[in-house]
Amino acid sequence: MRLIFGRFLASREKERLQRSYTSPVIVGHLRDSFRYYENGRWVTVSGELMAGHDPQRVIFRNCPLKWNDSGPPLTSGEREKVFRKIGEYLDGKKVSWEFSDAVSETWKSSAAMSE
């Protein structure tokens, strides 16, 4: 079962990376985050699902953004484009959302684990 599921996920990832050469691709990632694919690479944008609240999603603008999460950091222009595209994606899905400049608890715990 694990082998089949793993192949399926790998196939979906490969397809997203290929499609990203023609236009950006945005998908939900895990519970709270989004993956933005462009030019055969991706970045994870942190957010928070606000179940039963308005807004329904919060996107953290201060999240560290690196291509493929370990590559070079995004430039300020790339960051703005990614945030704009995710906002357009959520608007298209009729999801209420807002940006936050807060620091996510997830980053704090990740930083503590890496020390």
C-alpha atoms as a PDB file:
ATOM      1  CA  MET A   1       0.000   0.000   0.000  1.00  0.00           C
ATOM      2  CA  ARG A   2       2.777   2.413   0.965  1.00  0.00           C
ATOM      3  CA  LEU A   3       4.600   1.718  -2.300  1.00  0.00           C
ATOM      4  CA  ILE A   4       1.521   2.473  -4.410  1.00  0.00           C
ATOM      5  CA  PHE A   5       0.624   5.604  -2.462  1.00  0.00           C
ATOM      6  CA  GLY A   6       4.229   6.842  -2.607  1.00  0.00           C
ATOM      7  CA  ARG A   7       4.343   6.385  -6.369  1.00  0.00           C
ATOM      8  CA  PHE A   8       1.051   8.226  -6.743  1.00  0.00           C
ATOM      9  CA  LEU A   9       2.328  11.194  -4.708  1.00  0.00           C
ATOM     10  CA  ALA A  10       5.622  11.264  -6.607  1.00  0.00           C
ATOM     11  CA  SER A  11       3.719  11.252  -9.889  1.00  0.00           C
ATOM     12  CA  ARG A  12       1.508  14.163  -8.766  1.00  0.00           C
ATOM     13  CA  GLU A  13       4.574  16.139  -7.667  1.00  0.00           C
ATOM     14  CA  LYS A  14       6.329  15.530 -10.991  1.00  0.00           C
ATOM     15  CA  GLU A  15       3.216  16.640 -12.879  1.00  0.00           C
ATOM     16  CA  ARG A  16       2.958  19.873 -10.832  1.00  0.00           C
ATOM     17  CA  LEU A  17       6.621  20.674 -11.440  1.00  0.00           C
ATOM     18  CA  GLN A  18       6.156  20.130 -15.194  1.00  0.00           C
ATOM     19  CA  ARG A  19       3.012  22.302 -15.324  1.00  0.00           C
ATOM     20  CA  SER A  20       4.824  25.057 -13.420  1.00  0.00           C
ATOM     21  CA  TYR A  21       6.997  25.756 -16.476  1.00  0.00           C
ATOM     22  CA  THR A  22       3.935  27.087 -18.326  1.00  0.00           C
ATOM     23  CA  SER A  23       2.070  28.767 -15.455  1.00  0.00           C
ATOM     24  CA  PRO A  24       2.265  28.940 -11.656  1.00  0.00           C
ATOM     25  CA  VAL A  25       0.588  26.119  -9.720  1.00  0.00           C
ATOM     26  CA  ILE A  26      -0.797  26.506  -6.187  1.00  0.00           C
ATOM     27  CA  VAL A  27      -1.967  23.634  -3.996  1.00  0.00           C
ATOM     28  CA  GLY A  28      -2.779  23.175  -0.340  1.00  0.00           C
ATOM     29  CA  HIS A  29       0.074  21.584   1.566  1.00  0.00           C
ATOM     30  CA  LEU A  30      -0.497  19.716   4.810  1.00  0.00           C
ATOM     31  CA  ARG A  31      -3.124  21.345   7.014  1.00  0.00           C
ATOM     32  CA  ASP A  32      -2.223  25.037   6.980  1.00  0.00           C
ATOM     33  CA  SER A  33       0.312  25.793   4.269  1.00  0.00           C
ATOM     34  CA  PHE A  34       0.358  26.204   0.517  1.00  0.00           C
ATOM     35  CA  ARG A  35       2.856  25.125  -2.103  1.00  0.00           C
ATOM     36  CA  TYR A  36       3.586  27.549  -4.912  1.00  0.00           C
ATOM     37  CA  TYR A  37       5.245  26.013  -7.987  1.00  0.00           C
ATOM     38  CA  GLU A  38       6.969  28.071 -10.673  1.00  0.00           C
ATOM     39  CA  ASN A  39       9.619  27.245 -13.284  1.00  0.00           C
ATOM     40  CA  GLY A  40      10.160  23.696 -12.024  1.00  0.00           C
ATOM     41  CA  ARG A  41      10.666  24.646  -8.383  1.00  0.00           C
ATOM     42  CA  TRP A  42       8.455  25.207  -5.351  1.00  0.00           C
ATOM     43  CA  VAL A  43       8.205  27.137  -2.118  1.00  0.00           C
ATOM     44  CA  THR A  44       6.035  26.456   0.939  1.00  0.00           C
ATOM     45  CA  VAL A  45       4.062  29.433   2.247  1.00  0.00           C
ATOM     46  CA  SER A  46       2.946  29.138   5.861  1.00  0.00           C
ATOM     47  CA  GLY A  47      -0.580  29.917   6.850  1.00  0.00           C
ATOM     48  CA  GLU A  48      -3.178  28.911   9.344  1.00  0.00           C
ATOM     49  CA  LEU A  49      -6.611  27.410   8.855  1.00  0.00           C
ATOM     50  CA  MET A  50      -9.069  29.307  11.020  1.00  0.00           C
ATOM     51  CA  ALA A  51     -11.895  26.775  11.268  1.00  0.00           C
ATOM     52  CA  GLY A  52     -15.213  28.386  12.047  1.00  0.00           C
ATOM     53  CA  HIS A  53     -13.763  31.913  11.995  1.00  0.00           C
ATOM     54  CA  ASP A  54     -13.617  34.810   9.608  1.00  0.00           C
ATOM     55  CA  PRO A  55     -11.164  35.055   7.954  1.00  0.00           C
ATOM     56  CA  GLN A  56     -10.959  31.377   7.096  1.00  0.00           C
ATOM     57  CA  ARG A  57      -7.227  31.547   6.330  1.00  0.00           C
ATOM     58  CA  VAL A  58      -4.314  33.591   7.591  1.00  0.00           C
ATOM     59  CA  ILE A  59      -1.160  33.834   5.469  1.00  0.00           C
ATOM     60  CA  PHE A  60       2.061  34.665   7.320  1.00  0.00           C
ATOM     61  CA  ARG A  61       4.061  37.235   5.356  1.00  0.00           C
ATOM     62  CA  ASN A  62       7.124  36.891   7.596  1.00  0.00           C
ATOM     63  CA  CYS A  63       7.557  33.180   6.923  1.00  0.00           C
ATOM     64  CA  PRO A  64      10.983  32.189   5.594  1.00  0.00           C
ATOM     65  CA  LEU A  65      10.665  31.524   1.856  1.00  0.00           C
ATOM     66  CA  LYS A  66      13.326  29.491   0.080  1.00  0.00           C
ATOM     67  CA  TRP A  67      12.994  27.675  -3.214  1.00  0.00           C
ATOM     68  CA  ASN A  68      12.435  23.975  -2.536  1.00  0.00           C
ATOM     69  CA  ASP A  69      12.621  24.965   1.163  1.00  0.00           C
ATOM     70  CA  SER A  70      16.412  24.616   1.267  1.00  0.00           C
ATOM     71  CA  GLY A  71      17.574  26.513  -1.797  1.00  0.00           C
ATOM     72  CA  PRO A  72      18.162  30.226  -2.281  1.00  0.00           C
ATOM     73  CA  PRO A  73      15.815  32.691  -0.554  1.00  0.00           C
ATOM     74  CA  LEU A  74      13.240  34.393  -2.721  1.00  0.00           C
ATOM     75  CA  THR A  75      13.954  37.958  -3.763  1.00  0.00           C
ATOM     76  CA  SER A  76      11.583  40.652  -2.520  1.00  0.00           C
ATOM     77  CA  GLY A  77       9.946  40.732  -5.977  1.00  0.00           C
ATOM     78  CA  GLU A  78       9.479  36.960  -5.964  1.00  0.00           C
ATOM     79  CA  ARG A  79       8.011  37.089  -2.439  1.00  0.00           C
ATOM     80  CA  GLU A  80       5.458  39.703  -3.468  1.00  0.00           C
ATOM     81  CA  LYS A  81       4.506  37.719  -6.563  1.00  0.00           C
ATOM     82  CA  VAL A  82       4.031  34.523  -4.539  1.00  0.00           C
ATOM     83  CA  PHE A  83       1.849  36.276  -1.946  1.00  0.00           C
ATOM     84  CA  ARG A  84      -0.184  38.004  -4.687  1.00  0.00           C
ATOM     85  CA  LYS A  85      -0.766  34.722  -6.532  1.00  0.00           C
ATOM     86  CA  ILE A  86      -1.832  32.906  -3.361  1.00  0.00           C
ATOM     87  CA  GLY A  87      -4.256  35.751  -2.593  1.00  0.00           C
ATOM     88  CA  GLU A  88      -5.698  35.464  -6.107  1.00  0.00           C
ATOM     89  CA  TYR A  89      -5.981  31.690  -5.669  1.00  0.00           C
ATOM     90  CA  LEU A  90      -7.909  32.058  -2.392  1.00  0.00           C
ATOM     91  CA  ASP A  91     -10.120  34.793  -3.871  1.00  0.00           C
ATOM     92  CA  GLY A  92     -10.926  32.459  -6.771  1.00  0.00           C
ATOM     93  CA  LYS A  93     -11.926  29.749  -4.290  1.00  0.00           C
ATOM     94  CA  LYS A  94     -14.139  32.274  -2.415  1.00  0.00           C
ATOM     95  CA  VAL A  95     -12.115  31.826   0.780  1.00  0.00           C
ATOM     96  CA  SER A  96     -11.908  34.783   3.159  1.00  0.00           C
ATOM     97  CA  TRP A  97      -8.283  35.411   4.112  1.00  0.00           C
ATOM     98  CA  GLU A  98      -5.846  37.996   5.390  1.00  0.00           C
ATOM     99  CA  PHE A  99      -2.127  38.524   5.772  1.00  0.00           C
ATOM    100  CA  SER A 100      -0.473  38.468   9.171  1.00  0.00           C
ATOM    101  CA  ASP A 101       2.923  39.764  10.211  1.00  0.00           C
ATOM    102  CA  ALA A 102       2.852  37.547  13.302  1.00  0.00           C
ATOM    103  CA  VAL A 103       5.431  34.833  13.846  1.00  0.00           C
ATOM    104  CA  SER A 104       3.960  31.344  13.585  1.00  0.00           C
ATOM    105  CA  GLU A 105       4.397  28.928  16.486  1.00  0.00           C
ATOM    106  CA  THR A 106       5.456  26.357  13.871  1.00  0.00           C
ATOM    107  CA  TRP A 107       8.574  28.389  13.010  1.00  0.00           C
ATOM    108  CA  LYS A 108       9.470  28.786  16.663  1.00  0.00           C
ATOM    109  CA  SER A 109       9.265  25.049  17.305  1.00  0.00           C
ATOM    110  CA  SER A 110      11.157  24.272  14.075  1.00  0.00           C
ATOM    111  CA  ALA A 111      13.945  26.676  15.046  1.00  0.00           C
ATOM    112  CA  ALA A 112      14.193  25.157  18.526  1.00  0.00           C
ATOM    113  CA  MET A 113      14.403  21.625  17.090  1.00  0.00           C
ATOM    114  CA  SER A 114      17.205  22.587  14.693  1.00  0.00           C
ATOM    115  CA  GLU A 115      19.386  24.076  17.450  1.00  0.00           C
END
